[in-house]
Every structure is written in C-alpha cells, then in structure tokens.
Amino acid sequence: MTRRTKLLFAAAALVVGGGVAAALIVALGGSSASRLTRTEYFARVAAICRVYGPQLDRIAPPSDPAIPAQVADPVQAVLPLVKAETEEVRALQPPAELADRVARWLALKDRSIETLERTLREALIPDIRSMGPDWLLFVDQNAEAAAAGGKIGFPRVCSSA
C-alpha cells in the first residue's frame, strides 16, 4: 500500500467513525434518551421531597391570617423552600407520558408561589385587606397543585407544601 492509499484509508475510517459517533450521539443523546424512566423520575422526585417535606412540615401555618406578623413569619420561612423544591423538580425531565401532567403541576405551583409572594409583600406593608384573601387564595391554589401532584403519583410530602 502506498502512503497516499494509507492516508485515504485513514481519512475514510475517520469519516466513517465520525458518522457512527454522530449517529450514536443523535440516537442516545436526543431528548428521548435524556428523559428519565418513570421509576427513575419518581425516585428523584421522592428524594427531592424527602429533603424539603420535613423542613416544610416544621413550619406552622399562620394561626390568624388577619394578623400580618403571623402571616409574614411562616411565609418568609416557607417561600424559599417551596421555590427550591419546585425548581429542583422542574430541572428533572419527566418521561414523555408524564410531561403534560408535570407541566400542569408546575404551572399550578408557579401560580401558588406567585400568590404566596404577593401575600408576603402584603403582610410586610401591611395591607390586611388584601393579605387575608390572598392567603386563603394560596391555600386553595396549593390544594389544587397538591391534588394534581397526587394524580401524577408524587409522594404526599411533595404535594402538601
């Protein structure tokens, strides 16, 4: 074999090898391969919830939603935990068959977090006229998100905060 033939052979082998590598990357690295299986997804969600659930359970809800300090204190403690838990679950890529339900759950969680943030702002002002109704709205929105999480199969501890 001449040097030129060897170089052409090596170049062809690199092209073929590159094509095979590219095909493997597309086949294995595409969106479907990066999705977790149902079992893996639920295991990771449960692990996230095992971290945040007990912390959230230790924070008592306001005993009187008409008293700004009794609303502000627990909401200030809960809000960063709920946001962090939601963001960690959001970072997981659910299996395709759960994607729509998880997206709905995340939308419900986002809505309840927005209401909770607004409630905190109102408690700190204080704006009692808006704070109480927004707290009750949050409770209802959170219950709706919890029900949606339960239908997906999330552990109860994930759905309660």
N, C-alpha and C. Protein backbone atom coordinates (compact mmCIF):
# COMPACT_ATOMS: atom_id res chain seq x y z
N MET A 1 0.84 -1.16 0.00
CA MET A 1 0.00 0.00 0.00
C MET A 1 0.89 1.23 0.00
N THR A 2 0.51 2.19 -0.81
CA THR A 2 1.30 3.42 -0.87
C THR A 2 0.89 4.34 0.28
N ARG A 3 1.73 5.30 0.47
CA ARG A 3 1.44 6.26 1.54
C ARG A 3 0.13 6.99 1.28
N ARG A 4 -0.13 7.33 0.04
CA ARG A 4 -1.37 8.02 -0.34
C ARG A 4 -2.57 7.13 -0.05
N THR A 5 -2.49 5.87 -0.35
CA THR A 5 -3.59 4.94 -0.12
C THR A 5 -3.84 4.80 1.38
N LYS A 6 -2.76 4.72 2.15
CA LYS A 6 -2.91 4.63 3.60
C LYS A 6 -3.60 5.87 4.16
N LEU A 7 -3.21 7.05 3.67
CA LEU A 7 -3.83 8.30 4.12
C LEU A 7 -5.31 8.34 3.74
N LEU A 8 -5.64 7.93 2.51
CA LEU A 8 -7.04 7.90 2.09
C LEU A 8 -7.84 6.90 2.93
N PHE A 9 -7.23 5.75 3.23
CA PHE A 9 -7.88 4.74 4.06
C PHE A 9 -8.13 5.28 5.46
N ALA A 10 -7.13 5.95 6.02
CA ALA A 10 -7.26 6.53 7.36
C ALA A 10 -8.32 7.63 7.38
N ALA A 11 -8.33 8.46 6.34
CA ALA A 11 -9.34 9.52 6.25
C ALA A 11 -10.74 8.93 6.15
N ALA A 12 -10.88 7.88 5.33
CA ALA A 12 -12.19 7.23 5.19
C ALA A 12 -12.62 6.62 6.51
N ALA A 13 -11.67 6.01 7.22
CA ALA A 13 -12.00 5.41 8.52
C ALA A 13 -12.44 6.49 9.51
N LEU A 14 -11.79 7.65 9.48
CA LEU A 14 -12.19 8.75 10.37
C LEU A 14 -13.58 9.25 10.02
N VAL A 15 -13.88 9.37 8.74
CA VAL A 15 -15.19 9.84 8.31
C VAL A 15 -16.27 8.85 8.75
N VAL A 16 -16.03 7.56 8.50
CA VAL A 16 -16.99 6.54 8.90
C VAL A 16 -17.13 6.52 10.43
N GLY A 17 -15.99 6.56 11.12
CA GLY A 17 -16.04 6.58 12.59
C GLY A 17 -16.78 7.80 13.11
N GLY A 18 -16.54 8.95 12.50
CA GLY A 18 -17.25 10.17 12.89
C GLY A 18 -18.74 10.06 12.63
N GLY A 19 -19.08 9.44 11.51
CA GLY A 19 -20.51 9.25 11.20
C GLY A 19 -21.17 8.33 12.21
N VAL A 20 -20.47 7.26 12.57
CA VAL A 20 -21.02 6.33 13.56
C VAL A 20 -21.16 7.04 14.91
N ALA A 21 -20.14 7.81 15.28
CA ALA A 21 -20.21 8.55 16.55
C ALA A 21 -21.36 9.54 16.53
N ALA A 22 -21.51 10.25 15.42
CA ALA A 22 -22.61 11.21 15.32
C ALA A 22 -23.96 10.52 15.41
N ALA A 23 -24.08 9.37 14.75
CA ALA A 23 -25.34 8.62 14.82
C ALA A 23 -25.63 8.16 16.24
N LEU A 24 -24.60 7.71 16.95
CA LEU A 24 -24.79 7.30 18.34
C LEU A 24 -25.19 8.47 19.22
N ILE A 25 -24.58 9.62 19.00
CA ILE A 25 -24.92 10.80 19.79
C ILE A 25 -26.37 11.19 19.55
N VAL A 26 -26.78 11.19 18.29
CA VAL A 26 -28.16 11.53 17.97
C VAL A 26 -29.12 10.50 18.57
N ALA A 27 -28.77 9.22 18.41
CA ALA A 27 -29.65 8.16 18.90
C ALA A 27 -29.71 8.12 20.41
N LEU A 28 -28.58 8.28 21.08
CA LEU A 28 -28.54 8.15 22.53
C LEU A 28 -28.62 9.47 23.26
N GLY A 29 -28.26 10.54 22.62
CA GLY A 29 -28.22 11.83 23.30
C GLY A 29 -29.40 12.71 23.00
N GLY A 30 -30.35 12.24 22.23
CA GLY A 30 -31.52 13.02 21.90
C GLY A 30 -32.42 13.19 23.09
N SER A 31 -33.51 13.90 22.89
CA SER A 31 -34.38 14.22 24.01
C SER A 31 -35.01 12.99 24.65
N SER A 32 -35.30 11.98 23.87
CA SER A 32 -35.93 10.80 24.47
C SER A 32 -34.95 10.05 25.37
N ALA A 33 -33.67 10.03 25.00
CA ALA A 33 -32.69 9.32 25.82
C ALA A 33 -32.37 10.08 27.10
N SER A 34 -32.51 11.42 27.07
CA SER A 34 -32.19 12.19 28.26
C SER A 34 -33.34 12.19 29.26
N ARG A 35 -34.48 11.72 28.83
CA ARG A 35 -35.62 11.62 29.74
C ARG A 35 -35.41 10.45 30.69
N LEU A 36 -35.86 10.64 31.90
CA LEU A 36 -35.79 9.58 32.89
C LEU A 36 -36.91 8.58 32.66
N THR A 37 -36.69 7.36 33.11
CA THR A 37 -37.79 6.41 33.10
C THR A 37 -38.78 6.84 34.18
N ARG A 38 -39.95 6.28 34.15
CA ARG A 38 -40.97 6.60 35.15
C ARG A 38 -40.45 6.30 36.56
N THR A 39 -39.83 5.15 36.72
CA THR A 39 -39.30 4.75 38.02
C THR A 39 -38.20 5.70 38.48
N GLU A 40 -37.27 6.03 37.59
CA GLU A 40 -36.19 6.95 37.92
C GLU A 40 -36.74 8.33 38.28
N TYR A 41 -37.72 8.78 37.50
CA TYR A 41 -38.30 10.10 37.74
C TYR A 41 -38.95 10.17 39.11
N PHE A 42 -39.79 9.19 39.42
CA PHE A 42 -40.47 9.20 40.72
C PHE A 42 -39.47 9.05 41.87
N ALA A 43 -38.41 8.29 41.66
CA ALA A 43 -37.39 8.14 42.70
C ALA A 43 -36.70 9.48 42.96
N ARG A 44 -36.40 10.21 41.89
CA ARG A 44 -35.73 11.50 42.07
C ARG A 44 -36.66 12.54 42.69
N VAL A 45 -37.92 12.53 42.25
CA VAL A 45 -38.88 13.45 42.86
C VAL A 45 -39.02 13.14 44.34
N ALA A 46 -39.14 11.87 44.68
CA ALA A 46 -39.27 11.48 46.08
C ALA A 46 -38.05 11.92 46.89
N ALA A 47 -36.87 11.80 46.31
CA ALA A 47 -35.65 12.21 47.01
C ALA A 47 -35.66 13.72 47.28
N ILE A 48 -36.11 14.48 46.31
CA ILE A 48 -36.21 15.94 46.48
C ILE A 48 -37.21 16.25 47.60
N CYS A 49 -38.33 15.59 47.55
CA CYS A 49 -39.38 15.86 48.54
C CYS A 49 -38.99 15.40 49.94
N ARG A 50 -38.16 14.38 50.03
CA ARG A 50 -37.69 13.94 51.35
C ARG A 50 -36.78 14.99 51.99
N VAL A 51 -36.16 15.81 51.18
CA VAL A 51 -35.32 16.89 51.71
C VAL A 51 -36.20 18.04 52.20
N TYR A 52 -37.13 18.48 51.36
CA TYR A 52 -37.91 19.68 51.68
C TYR A 52 -39.14 19.41 52.52
N GLY A 53 -39.78 18.27 52.36
CA GLY A 53 -41.02 17.97 53.08
C GLY A 53 -40.90 18.11 54.58
N PRO A 54 -39.92 17.47 55.22
CA PRO A 54 -39.79 17.59 56.67
C PRO A 54 -39.51 19.04 57.13
N GLN A 55 -38.74 19.78 56.34
CA GLN A 55 -38.48 21.18 56.69
C GLN A 55 -39.77 21.99 56.64
N LEU A 56 -40.56 21.75 55.61
CA LEU A 56 -41.82 22.47 55.46
C LEU A 56 -42.81 22.08 56.55
N ASP A 57 -42.81 20.81 56.92
CA ASP A 57 -43.73 20.34 57.96
C ASP A 57 -43.47 20.98 59.31
N ARG A 58 -42.24 21.41 59.55
CA ARG A 58 -41.89 22.03 60.83
C ARG A 58 -42.39 23.48 60.95
N ILE A 59 -42.84 24.05 59.85
CA ILE A 59 -43.27 25.45 59.85
C ILE A 59 -44.80 25.48 59.97
N ALA A 60 -45.28 26.00 61.07
CA ALA A 60 -46.73 26.07 61.30
C ALA A 60 -47.33 27.18 60.44
N PRO A 61 -48.50 26.92 59.88
CA PRO A 61 -49.17 27.97 59.10
C PRO A 61 -49.65 29.08 60.04
N PRO A 62 -50.00 30.22 59.47
CA PRO A 62 -50.48 31.31 60.32
C PRO A 62 -51.70 30.88 61.12
N SER A 63 -51.69 31.21 62.40
CA SER A 63 -52.84 30.86 63.23
C SER A 63 -53.99 31.85 63.00
N ASP A 64 -53.65 33.07 62.59
CA ASP A 64 -54.68 34.07 62.28
C ASP A 64 -54.25 34.81 61.02
N PRO A 65 -54.85 34.50 59.87
CA PRO A 65 -54.44 35.14 58.62
C PRO A 65 -54.80 36.62 58.52
N ALA A 66 -55.36 37.19 59.59
CA ALA A 66 -55.65 38.62 59.60
C ALA A 66 -54.57 39.42 60.32
N ILE A 67 -53.59 38.73 60.90
CA ILE A 67 -52.51 39.41 61.62
C ILE A 67 -51.23 39.32 60.78
N PRO A 68 -50.77 40.46 60.25
CA PRO A 68 -49.62 40.44 59.33
C PRO A 68 -48.39 39.70 59.84
N ALA A 69 -48.01 39.88 61.09
CA ALA A 69 -46.81 39.20 61.59
C ALA A 69 -47.00 37.69 61.64
N GLN A 70 -48.23 37.24 61.90
CA GLN A 70 -48.48 35.81 61.94
C GLN A 70 -48.52 35.20 60.55
N VAL A 71 -48.66 36.04 59.53
CA VAL A 71 -48.59 35.58 58.15
C VAL A 71 -47.16 35.70 57.64
N ALA A 72 -46.54 36.85 57.89
CA ALA A 72 -45.21 37.11 57.33
C ALA A 72 -44.16 36.11 57.81
N ASP A 73 -44.14 35.81 59.09
CA ASP A 73 -43.10 34.94 59.63
C ASP A 73 -43.09 33.55 58.98
N PRO A 74 -44.20 32.82 58.97
CA PRO A 74 -44.15 31.50 58.35
C PRO A 74 -43.97 31.57 56.83
N VAL A 75 -44.55 32.58 56.19
CA VAL A 75 -44.42 32.68 54.73
C VAL A 75 -42.96 32.96 54.36
N GLN A 76 -42.27 33.78 55.15
CA GLN A 76 -40.85 34.04 54.88
C GLN A 76 -40.03 32.77 55.02
N ALA A 77 -40.42 31.90 55.90
CA ALA A 77 -39.69 30.64 56.08
C ALA A 77 -40.04 29.62 55.00
N VAL A 78 -41.30 29.59 54.60
CA VAL A 78 -41.78 28.58 53.64
C VAL A 78 -41.39 28.91 52.21
N LEU A 79 -41.48 30.16 51.85
CA LEU A 79 -41.32 30.56 50.45
C LEU A 79 -40.03 30.07 49.80
N PRO A 80 -38.86 30.27 50.41
CA PRO A 80 -37.64 29.80 49.74
C PRO A 80 -37.59 28.28 49.60
N LEU A 81 -38.17 27.57 50.56
CA LEU A 81 -38.18 26.11 50.49
C LEU A 81 -39.09 25.62 49.36
N VAL A 82 -40.27 26.20 49.26
CA VAL A 82 -41.21 25.80 48.21
C VAL A 82 -40.62 26.12 46.84
N LYS A 83 -40.00 27.29 46.72
CA LYS A 83 -39.38 27.66 45.44
C LYS A 83 -38.26 26.69 45.07
N ALA A 84 -37.40 26.39 46.03
CA ALA A 84 -36.27 25.49 45.76
C ALA A 84 -36.76 24.10 45.38
N GLU A 85 -37.73 23.58 46.12
CA GLU A 85 -38.26 22.25 45.82
C GLU A 85 -38.86 22.22 44.41
N THR A 86 -39.65 23.25 44.09
CA THR A 86 -40.28 23.31 42.77
C THR A 86 -39.23 23.39 41.67
N GLU A 87 -38.20 24.19 41.87
CA GLU A 87 -37.15 24.32 40.85
C GLU A 87 -36.37 23.03 40.67
N GLU A 88 -36.14 22.31 41.75
CA GLU A 88 -35.43 21.03 41.62
C GLU A 88 -36.27 20.01 40.85
N VAL A 89 -37.57 19.99 41.10
CA VAL A 89 -38.44 19.09 40.34
C VAL A 89 -38.50 19.56 38.89
N ARG A 90 -38.57 20.87 38.67
CA ARG A 90 -38.62 21.42 37.30
C ARG A 90 -37.37 21.02 36.51
N ALA A 91 -36.23 20.90 37.18
CA ALA A 91 -34.97 20.57 36.50
C ALA A 91 -34.95 19.12 35.98
N LEU A 92 -35.80 18.28 36.52
CA LEU A 92 -35.87 16.90 36.05
C LEU A 92 -36.67 16.84 34.75
N GLN A 93 -36.26 15.99 33.86
CA GLN A 93 -37.03 15.82 32.62
C GLN A 93 -37.92 14.59 32.79
N PRO A 94 -39.23 14.82 32.90
CA PRO A 94 -40.12 13.68 33.14
C PRO A 94 -40.24 12.79 31.92
N PRO A 95 -40.66 11.55 32.12
CA PRO A 95 -40.94 10.68 30.98
C PRO A 95 -42.03 11.32 30.12
N ALA A 96 -42.00 11.03 28.85
CA ALA A 96 -42.94 11.65 27.91
C ALA A 96 -44.38 11.49 28.34
N GLU A 97 -44.72 10.32 28.89
CA GLU A 97 -46.12 10.08 29.26
C GLU A 97 -46.58 10.92 30.45
N LEU A 98 -45.64 11.49 31.19
CA LEU A 98 -45.98 12.34 32.34
C LEU A 98 -45.78 13.82 32.06
N ALA A 99 -45.17 14.16 30.95
CA ALA A 99 -44.73 15.53 30.69
C ALA A 99 -45.87 16.54 30.79
N ASP A 100 -47.02 16.26 30.21
CA ASP A 100 -48.13 17.22 30.24
C ASP A 100 -48.66 17.42 31.66
N ARG A 101 -48.78 16.32 32.41
CA ARG A 101 -49.29 16.44 33.78
C ARG A 101 -48.29 17.16 34.69
N VAL A 102 -47.01 16.89 34.47
CA VAL A 102 -45.98 17.57 35.27
C VAL A 102 -45.96 19.06 34.92
N ALA A 103 -46.11 19.39 33.64
CA ALA A 103 -46.16 20.79 33.23
C ALA A 103 -47.35 21.50 33.88
N ARG A 104 -48.47 20.82 33.95
CA ARG A 104 -49.65 21.41 34.62
C ARG A 104 -49.36 21.62 36.10
N TRP A 105 -48.75 20.60 36.76
CA TRP A 105 -48.42 20.73 38.17
C TRP A 105 -47.48 21.91 38.39
N LEU A 106 -46.47 22.05 37.54
CA LEU A 106 -45.53 23.16 37.67
C LEU A 106 -46.24 24.50 37.49
N ALA A 107 -47.16 24.57 36.54
CA ALA A 107 -47.92 25.82 36.34
C ALA A 107 -48.75 26.14 37.58
N LEU A 108 -49.36 25.13 38.17
CA LEU A 108 -50.14 25.34 39.39
C LEU A 108 -49.24 25.77 40.55
N LYS A 109 -48.06 25.14 40.67
CA LYS A 109 -47.12 25.52 41.71
C LYS A 109 -46.64 26.96 41.51
N ASP A 110 -46.34 27.31 40.26
CA ASP A 110 -45.90 28.68 39.97
C ASP A 110 -46.98 29.69 40.37
N ARG A 111 -48.22 29.37 40.04
CA ARG A 111 -49.33 30.26 40.37
C ARG A 111 -49.45 30.41 41.90
N SER A 112 -49.34 29.31 42.62
CA SER A 112 -49.46 29.39 44.08
C SER A 112 -48.26 30.13 44.69
N ILE A 113 -47.08 29.95 44.12
CA ILE A 113 -45.89 30.67 44.60
C ILE A 113 -46.05 32.17 44.37
N GLU A 114 -46.59 32.56 43.21
CA GLU A 114 -46.83 33.98 42.94
C GLU A 114 -47.79 34.57 43.97
N THR A 115 -48.84 33.82 44.30
CA THR A 115 -49.80 34.28 45.30
C THR A 115 -49.15 34.37 46.66
N LEU A 116 -48.30 33.41 46.99
CA LEU A 116 -47.60 33.42 48.28
C LEU A 116 -46.64 34.61 48.37
N GLU A 117 -45.95 34.91 47.27
CA GLU A 117 -45.06 36.08 47.25
C GLU A 117 -45.86 37.37 47.45
N ARG A 118 -47.00 37.45 46.79
CA ARG A 118 -47.86 38.63 46.93
C ARG A 118 -48.37 38.75 48.38
N THR A 119 -48.74 37.62 48.96
CA THR A 119 -49.21 37.60 50.34
C THR A 119 -48.12 38.11 51.28
N LEU A 120 -46.89 37.69 51.04
CA LEU A 120 -45.78 38.15 51.88
C LEU A 120 -45.60 39.66 51.74
N ARG A 121 -45.61 40.16 50.51
CA ARG A 121 -45.47 41.61 50.31
C ARG A 121 -46.57 42.36 51.08
N GLU A 122 -47.79 41.84 50.98
CA GLU A 122 -48.92 42.48 51.64
C GLU A 122 -48.79 42.41 53.17
N ALA A 123 -48.25 41.33 53.67
CA ALA A 123 -48.05 41.19 55.12
C ALA A 123 -46.99 42.17 55.61
N LEU A 124 -45.98 42.40 54.81
CA LEU A 124 -44.89 43.29 55.22
C LEU A 124 -45.26 44.77 55.13
N ILE A 125 -46.24 45.12 54.30
CA ILE A 125 -46.61 46.54 54.14
C ILE A 125 -47.19 47.13 55.42
N PRO A 126 -48.09 46.71 56.13
CA PRO A 126 -49.08 45.65 55.93
C PRO A 126 -50.32 46.16 55.17
N ASP A 127 -50.86 45.26 54.39
CA ASP A 127 -52.11 45.50 53.65
C ASP A 127 -53.06 44.37 54.02
N ILE A 128 -53.69 44.53 55.16
CA ILE A 128 -54.54 43.47 55.72
C ILE A 128 -55.70 43.15 54.79
N ARG A 129 -56.23 44.15 54.14
CA ARG A 129 -57.40 43.96 53.27
C ARG A 129 -57.10 42.97 52.13
N SER A 130 -55.88 42.99 51.61
CA SER A 130 -55.51 42.06 50.53
C SER A 130 -54.83 40.80 51.04
N MET A 131 -54.09 40.95 52.13
CA MET A 131 -53.29 39.84 52.63
C MET A 131 -54.12 38.61 53.00
N GLY A 132 -55.16 38.79 53.77
CA GLY A 132 -56.00 37.67 54.20
C GLY A 132 -56.61 36.92 53.03
N PRO A 133 -57.29 37.63 52.11
CA PRO A 133 -57.85 36.94 50.95
C PRO A 133 -56.78 36.25 50.09
N ASP A 134 -55.61 36.88 49.95
CA ASP A 134 -54.55 36.24 49.16
C ASP A 134 -54.01 35.00 49.87
N TRP A 135 -53.92 35.04 51.20
CA TRP A 135 -53.50 33.84 51.92
C TRP A 135 -54.48 32.70 51.66
N LEU A 136 -55.77 33.00 51.75
CA LEU A 136 -56.79 31.97 51.51
C LEU A 136 -56.75 31.49 50.06
N LEU A 137 -56.48 32.40 49.12
CA LEU A 137 -56.33 32.01 47.72
C LEU A 137 -55.14 31.06 47.57
N PHE A 138 -54.02 31.38 48.23
CA PHE A 138 -52.86 30.49 48.19
C PHE A 138 -53.23 29.11 48.71
N VAL A 139 -53.94 29.05 49.82
CA VAL A 139 -54.33 27.75 50.40
C VAL A 139 -55.12 26.94 49.37
N ASP A 140 -56.06 27.59 48.68
CA ASP A 140 -56.85 26.89 47.65
C ASP A 140 -55.97 26.46 46.47
N GLN A 141 -55.11 27.37 46.00
CA GLN A 141 -54.23 27.05 44.87
C GLN A 141 -53.27 25.93 45.23
N ASN A 142 -52.77 25.95 46.43
CA ASN A 142 -51.84 24.92 46.87
C ASN A 142 -52.55 23.57 46.94
N ALA A 143 -53.79 23.57 47.38
CA ALA A 143 -54.57 22.33 47.43
C ALA A 143 -54.80 21.80 46.01
N GLU A 144 -55.03 22.68 45.07
CA GLU A 144 -55.21 22.27 43.67
C GLU A 144 -53.92 21.66 43.12
N ALA A 145 -52.79 22.29 43.43
CA ALA A 145 -51.50 21.76 42.99
C ALA A 145 -51.23 20.42 43.65
N ALA A 146 -51.58 20.30 44.93
CA ALA A 146 -51.38 19.03 45.64
C ALA A 146 -52.20 17.92 45.01
N ALA A 147 -53.44 18.22 44.64
CA ALA A 147 -54.29 17.21 44.00
C ALA A 147 -53.70 16.79 42.66
N ALA A 148 -53.20 17.76 41.90
CA ALA A 148 -52.58 17.45 40.61
C ALA A 148 -51.33 16.60 40.80
N GLY A 149 -50.53 16.92 41.82
CA GLY A 149 -49.34 16.12 42.12
C GLY A 149 -49.70 14.70 42.52
N GLY A 150 -50.75 14.57 43.30
CA GLY A 150 -51.20 13.24 43.71
C GLY A 150 -51.65 12.40 42.53
N LYS A 151 -52.30 13.04 41.55
CA LYS A 151 -52.75 12.32 40.35
C LYS A 151 -51.57 11.86 39.50
N ILE A 152 -50.49 12.61 39.54
CA ILE A 152 -49.28 12.21 38.80
C ILE A 152 -48.66 10.99 39.48
N GLY A 153 -48.74 10.97 40.80
CA GLY A 153 -48.10 9.90 41.57
C GLY A 153 -47.00 10.42 42.47
N PHE A 154 -46.94 11.76 42.64
CA PHE A 154 -45.93 12.33 43.53
C PHE A 154 -46.24 11.90 44.96
N PRO A 155 -45.19 11.72 45.76
CA PRO A 155 -45.42 11.40 47.17
C PRO A 155 -46.23 12.51 47.84
N ARG A 156 -46.98 12.14 48.83
CA ARG A 156 -47.84 13.10 49.54
C ARG A 156 -47.02 14.28 50.08
N VAL A 157 -45.82 14.01 50.55
CA VAL A 157 -44.98 15.06 51.11
C VAL A 157 -44.62 16.12 50.06
N CYS A 158 -44.64 15.76 48.79
CA CYS A 158 -44.36 16.72 47.72
C CYS A 158 -45.54 17.64 47.47
N SER A 159 -46.69 17.15 47.76
CA SER A 159 -47.89 17.86 47.37
C SER A 159 -48.46 18.73 48.47
N SER A 160 -47.90 18.65 49.65
CA SER A 160 -48.56 19.32 50.77
C SER A 160 -48.08 20.74 51.03
N ALA A 161 -46.88 21.09 50.62
CA ALA A 161 -46.34 22.42 50.99
C ALA A 161 -46.98 23.54 50.21
